[in-house]
Amino acid sequence: MEQSVLLTEEISLGQTPGDAIPGYDGVVFKARRNNRTVPGGARKGYRFVYCIHPSDQATMLSVYAKTEQENISDGEIAELLQEADRLLSKD
C-alpha cells in the first residue's frame, strides 16, 4: 500500500500494516513510515507500535523516530499493553 495512505486508514480497513512482534500472539505490530526530513526512507523513519484487541479495536502504544530511539524493548511493550488494558477497562 502507498505510504501516502494513513496508517489509521489501513487499520480501519481491517489491515494490519507492519510486522507482528513475536511473543504477542499476533496482536502487537510495528509499522514503519517515512520521515520526510531524514534521508533513508522508512528504514530511518518513524515506528508505530500498535495492538489489535479481540473486539477489533486498535490502540496506538508508541510512536518514535528511528533517529532518536533504536528500538522498543519487550518490557516497554508489556508495560504499554498493561496501561492500555487498564485505561480501556475503565467504565
N, C-alpha and C. Protein backbone atom coordinates (compact mmCIF):
# COMPACT_ATOMS: atom_id res chain seq x y z
N MET A 1 0.85 -1.18 0.00
CA MET A 1 0.00 0.00 0.00
C MET A 1 0.89 1.23 0.00
N GLU A 2 0.42 2.30 -0.63
CA GLU A 2 1.21 3.51 -0.73
C GLU A 2 1.47 4.13 0.64
N GLN A 3 2.64 4.75 0.77
CA GLN A 3 2.99 5.42 2.01
C GLN A 3 2.07 6.61 2.29
N SER A 4 1.43 7.16 1.25
CA SER A 4 0.58 8.33 1.45
C SER A 4 -0.72 7.97 2.18
N VAL A 5 -1.07 6.69 2.20
CA VAL A 5 -2.26 6.27 2.94
C VAL A 5 -1.92 6.27 4.42
N LEU A 6 -2.79 6.88 5.20
CA LEU A 6 -2.54 6.96 6.64
C LEU A 6 -2.61 5.58 7.28
N LEU A 7 -1.77 5.38 8.25
CA LEU A 7 -1.75 4.13 9.00
C LEU A 7 -3.12 3.84 9.59
N THR A 8 -3.75 4.87 10.14
CA THR A 8 -5.07 4.69 10.75
C THR A 8 -6.12 4.25 9.73
N GLU A 9 -5.99 4.72 8.50
CA GLU A 9 -6.91 4.31 7.44
C GLU A 9 -6.74 2.82 7.13
N GLU A 10 -5.49 2.39 7.03
CA GLU A 10 -5.23 0.97 6.76
C GLU A 10 -5.82 0.09 7.86
N ILE A 11 -5.61 0.50 9.11
CA ILE A 11 -6.12 -0.28 10.24
C ILE A 11 -7.65 -0.29 10.23
N SER A 12 -8.27 0.87 9.93
CA SER A 12 -9.73 0.93 9.91
C SER A 12 -10.32 0.06 8.80
N LEU A 13 -9.54 -0.25 7.79
CA LEU A 13 -9.97 -1.14 6.71
C LEU A 13 -9.76 -2.61 7.06
N GLY A 14 -9.30 -2.88 8.28
CA GLY A 14 -9.11 -4.25 8.72
C GLY A 14 -7.73 -4.82 8.42
N GLN A 15 -6.85 -3.98 7.93
CA GLN A 15 -5.49 -4.43 7.62
C GLN A 15 -4.62 -4.30 8.87
N THR A 16 -3.54 -5.02 8.89
CA THR A 16 -2.57 -4.91 9.98
C THR A 16 -1.20 -4.60 9.37
N PRO A 17 -0.99 -3.33 9.01
CA PRO A 17 0.28 -2.96 8.39
C PRO A 17 1.45 -3.17 9.34
N GLY A 18 2.59 -3.45 8.77
CA GLY A 18 3.79 -3.66 9.57
C GLY A 18 4.01 -5.13 9.86
N ASP A 19 4.87 -5.37 10.81
CA ASP A 19 5.25 -6.73 11.19
C ASP A 19 4.69 -7.05 12.57
N ALA A 20 4.19 -8.27 12.71
CA ALA A 20 3.77 -8.73 14.03
C ALA A 20 5.01 -8.86 14.91
N ILE A 21 4.92 -8.39 16.13
CA ILE A 21 6.03 -8.50 17.07
C ILE A 21 5.92 -9.86 17.75
N PRO A 22 6.96 -10.69 17.64
CA PRO A 22 6.91 -12.03 18.22
C PRO A 22 6.63 -12.00 19.73
N GLY A 23 5.87 -13.00 20.17
CA GLY A 23 5.59 -13.15 21.59
C GLY A 23 4.28 -12.53 22.04
N TYR A 24 3.56 -11.93 21.12
CA TYR A 24 2.30 -11.27 21.47
C TYR A 24 1.11 -11.83 20.68
N ASP A 25 1.20 -13.07 20.27
CA ASP A 25 0.11 -13.79 19.61
C ASP A 25 -0.50 -13.03 18.44
N GLY A 26 0.32 -12.30 17.70
CA GLY A 26 -0.16 -11.61 16.51
C GLY A 26 -1.09 -10.45 16.77
N VAL A 27 -1.02 -9.85 17.95
CA VAL A 27 -1.89 -8.70 18.23
C VAL A 27 -1.11 -7.40 18.37
N VAL A 28 0.22 -7.45 18.41
CA VAL A 28 1.04 -6.25 18.50
C VAL A 28 1.88 -6.16 17.22
N PHE A 29 1.85 -4.97 16.62
CA PHE A 29 2.51 -4.76 15.34
C PHE A 29 3.39 -3.53 15.39
N LYS A 30 4.46 -3.56 14.56
CA LYS A 30 5.32 -2.39 14.40
C LYS A 30 5.32 -2.03 12.92
N ALA A 31 4.82 -0.83 12.62
CA ALA A 31 4.79 -0.35 11.25
C ALA A 31 5.83 0.75 11.09
N ARG A 32 6.43 0.80 9.91
CA ARG A 32 7.44 1.80 9.61
C ARG A 32 6.87 2.79 8.60
N ARG A 33 7.19 4.05 8.79
CA ARG A 33 6.78 5.09 7.86
C ARG A 33 7.92 6.08 7.66
N ASN A 34 7.94 6.69 6.48
CA ASN A 34 8.98 7.66 6.14
C ASN A 34 8.94 8.88 7.06
N ASN A 35 10.12 9.42 7.27
CA ASN A 35 10.28 10.73 7.90
C ASN A 35 10.87 11.60 6.80
N ARG A 36 10.07 12.45 6.24
CA ARG A 36 10.49 13.23 5.07
C ARG A 36 11.67 14.15 5.35
N THR A 37 11.96 14.42 6.62
CA THR A 37 13.07 15.31 6.95
C THR A 37 14.40 14.57 7.10
N VAL A 38 14.36 13.24 7.04
CA VAL A 38 15.57 12.43 7.21
C VAL A 38 15.73 11.52 5.99
N PRO A 39 16.84 11.62 5.27
CA PRO A 39 17.05 10.72 4.14
C PRO A 39 17.18 9.27 4.61
N GLY A 40 16.71 8.34 3.81
CA GLY A 40 16.84 6.93 4.15
C GLY A 40 15.52 6.18 4.14
N GLY A 41 14.44 6.87 3.78
CA GLY A 41 13.15 6.21 3.66
C GLY A 41 12.62 5.71 4.99
N ALA A 42 11.76 4.68 4.92
CA ALA A 42 11.12 4.14 6.12
C ALA A 42 12.14 3.53 7.08
N ARG A 43 13.27 3.08 6.54
CA ARG A 43 14.32 2.49 7.37
C ARG A 43 14.82 3.47 8.42
N LYS A 44 14.84 4.75 8.09
CA LYS A 44 15.30 5.79 9.02
C LYS A 44 14.14 6.62 9.56
N GLY A 45 12.92 6.18 9.33
CA GLY A 45 11.74 6.98 9.65
C GLY A 45 11.15 6.71 11.02
N TYR A 46 9.83 6.74 11.05
CA TYR A 46 9.08 6.58 12.30
C TYR A 46 8.67 5.14 12.51
N ARG A 47 8.51 4.77 13.76
CA ARG A 47 7.99 3.45 14.14
C ARG A 47 6.69 3.67 14.90
N PHE A 48 5.68 2.94 14.51
CA PHE A 48 4.37 2.98 15.16
C PHE A 48 4.12 1.59 15.73
N VAL A 49 3.97 1.50 17.02
CA VAL A 49 3.68 0.22 17.67
C VAL A 49 2.23 0.28 18.13
N TYR A 50 1.43 -0.66 17.66
CA TYR A 50 0.01 -0.66 17.99
C TYR A 50 -0.46 -2.09 18.25
N CYS A 51 -1.62 -2.19 18.90
CA CYS A 51 -2.17 -3.52 19.15
C CYS A 51 -3.62 -3.56 18.68
N ILE A 52 -4.05 -4.75 18.34
CA ILE A 52 -5.43 -5.00 17.96
C ILE A 52 -6.04 -5.84 19.06
N HIS A 53 -7.12 -5.35 19.64
CA HIS A 53 -7.81 -6.05 20.72
C HIS A 53 -8.80 -7.05 20.13
N PRO A 54 -9.24 -8.02 20.91
CA PRO A 54 -10.21 -9.00 20.40
C PRO A 54 -11.47 -8.36 19.83
N SER A 55 -11.83 -7.18 20.30
CA SER A 55 -13.02 -6.50 19.80
C SER A 55 -12.74 -5.74 18.50
N ASP A 56 -11.60 -6.01 17.87
CA ASP A 56 -11.17 -5.33 16.64
C ASP A 56 -10.93 -3.84 16.85
N GLN A 57 -10.61 -3.47 18.05
CA GLN A 57 -10.26 -2.09 18.36
C GLN A 57 -8.74 -1.98 18.34
N ALA A 58 -8.23 -0.93 17.72
CA ALA A 58 -6.79 -0.72 17.67
C ALA A 58 -6.39 0.35 18.67
N THR A 59 -5.23 0.14 19.31
CA THR A 59 -4.69 1.13 20.24
C THR A 59 -3.24 1.40 19.88
N MET A 60 -2.92 2.68 19.69
CA MET A 60 -1.54 3.06 19.43
C MET A 60 -0.80 3.01 20.76
N LEU A 61 0.28 2.24 20.80
CA LEU A 61 1.05 2.08 22.03
C LEU A 61 2.25 3.01 22.09
N SER A 62 2.91 3.22 20.95
CA SER A 62 4.10 4.04 20.94
C SER A 62 4.39 4.53 19.52
N VAL A 63 4.93 5.73 19.44
CA VAL A 63 5.42 6.29 18.18
C VAL A 63 6.79 6.88 18.48
N TYR A 64 7.78 6.51 17.67
CA TYR A 64 9.11 7.09 17.88
C TYR A 64 9.86 7.17 16.57
N ALA A 65 10.80 8.08 16.53
CA ALA A 65 11.66 8.25 15.35
C ALA A 65 12.87 7.33 15.50
N LYS A 66 13.18 6.61 14.47
CA LYS A 66 14.32 5.70 14.49
C LYS A 66 15.63 6.45 14.77
N THR A 67 15.68 7.72 14.39
CA THR A 67 16.88 8.51 14.63
C THR A 67 17.05 8.86 16.10
N GLU A 68 15.97 8.76 16.89
CA GLU A 68 16.04 9.11 18.32
C GLU A 68 15.99 7.91 19.25
N GLN A 69 15.45 6.80 18.77
CA GLN A 69 15.36 5.58 19.58
C GLN A 69 15.60 4.40 18.66
N GLU A 70 16.55 3.56 19.00
CA GLU A 70 16.91 2.43 18.15
C GLU A 70 15.79 1.40 18.05
N ASN A 71 15.21 1.05 19.18
CA ASN A 71 14.19 0.01 19.21
C ASN A 71 13.34 0.18 20.46
N ILE A 72 12.31 -0.64 20.57
CA ILE A 72 11.47 -0.65 21.77
C ILE A 72 11.62 -2.05 22.38
N SER A 73 11.81 -2.10 23.67
CA SER A 73 12.06 -3.39 24.33
C SER A 73 10.75 -4.13 24.59
N ASP A 74 10.88 -5.42 24.80
CA ASP A 74 9.71 -6.23 25.16
C ASP A 74 9.09 -5.74 26.46
N GLY A 75 9.95 -5.32 27.40
CA GLY A 75 9.45 -4.80 28.67
C GLY A 75 8.62 -3.54 28.49
N GLU A 76 9.09 -2.64 27.61
CA GLU A 76 8.34 -1.42 27.34
C GLU A 76 6.99 -1.75 26.70
N ILE A 77 6.98 -2.69 25.78
CA ILE A 77 5.73 -3.08 25.13
C ILE A 77 4.77 -3.68 26.15
N ALA A 78 5.28 -4.54 27.02
CA ALA A 78 4.43 -5.16 28.04
C ALA A 78 3.81 -4.09 28.95
N GLU A 79 4.61 -3.11 29.36
CA GLU A 79 4.09 -2.03 30.20
C GLU A 79 3.03 -1.21 29.46
N LEU A 80 3.28 -0.91 28.20
CA LEU A 80 2.32 -0.14 27.41
C LEU A 80 1.02 -0.90 27.23
N LEU A 81 1.12 -2.22 27.02
CA LEU A 81 -0.09 -3.05 26.89
C LEU A 81 -0.90 -3.06 28.19
N GLN A 82 -0.21 -3.18 29.31
CA GLN A 82 -0.90 -3.16 30.61
C GLN A 82 -1.61 -1.84 30.82
N GLU A 83 -0.95 -0.75 30.49
CA GLU A 83 -1.55 0.57 30.66
C GLU A 83 -2.76 0.73 29.73
N ALA A 84 -2.63 0.28 28.49
CA ALA A 84 -3.76 0.36 27.55
C ALA A 84 -4.94 -0.47 28.05
N ASP A 85 -4.67 -1.67 28.53
CA ASP A 85 -5.73 -2.52 29.06
C ASP A 85 -6.40 -1.86 30.27
N ARG A 86 -5.60 -1.26 31.13
CA ARG A 86 -6.14 -0.58 32.31
C ARG A 86 -7.05 0.57 31.90
N LEU A 87 -6.59 1.39 30.95
CA LEU A 87 -7.40 2.53 30.51
C LEU A 87 -8.67 2.11 29.77
N LEU A 88 -8.55 1.05 28.99
CA LEU A 88 -9.72 0.60 28.22
C LEU A 88 -10.76 -0.12 29.07
N SER A 89 -10.33 -0.64 30.22
CA SER A 89 -11.28 -1.37 31.07
C SER A 89 -12.03 -0.45 32.03
N LYS A 90 -11.68 0.84 32.04
CA LYS A 90 -12.39 1.80 32.88
C LYS A 90 -13.80 1.99 32.35
N ASP A 91 -14.74 2.20 33.24
CA ASP A 91 -16.14 2.43 32.82
C ASP A 91 -16.35 3.85 32.38
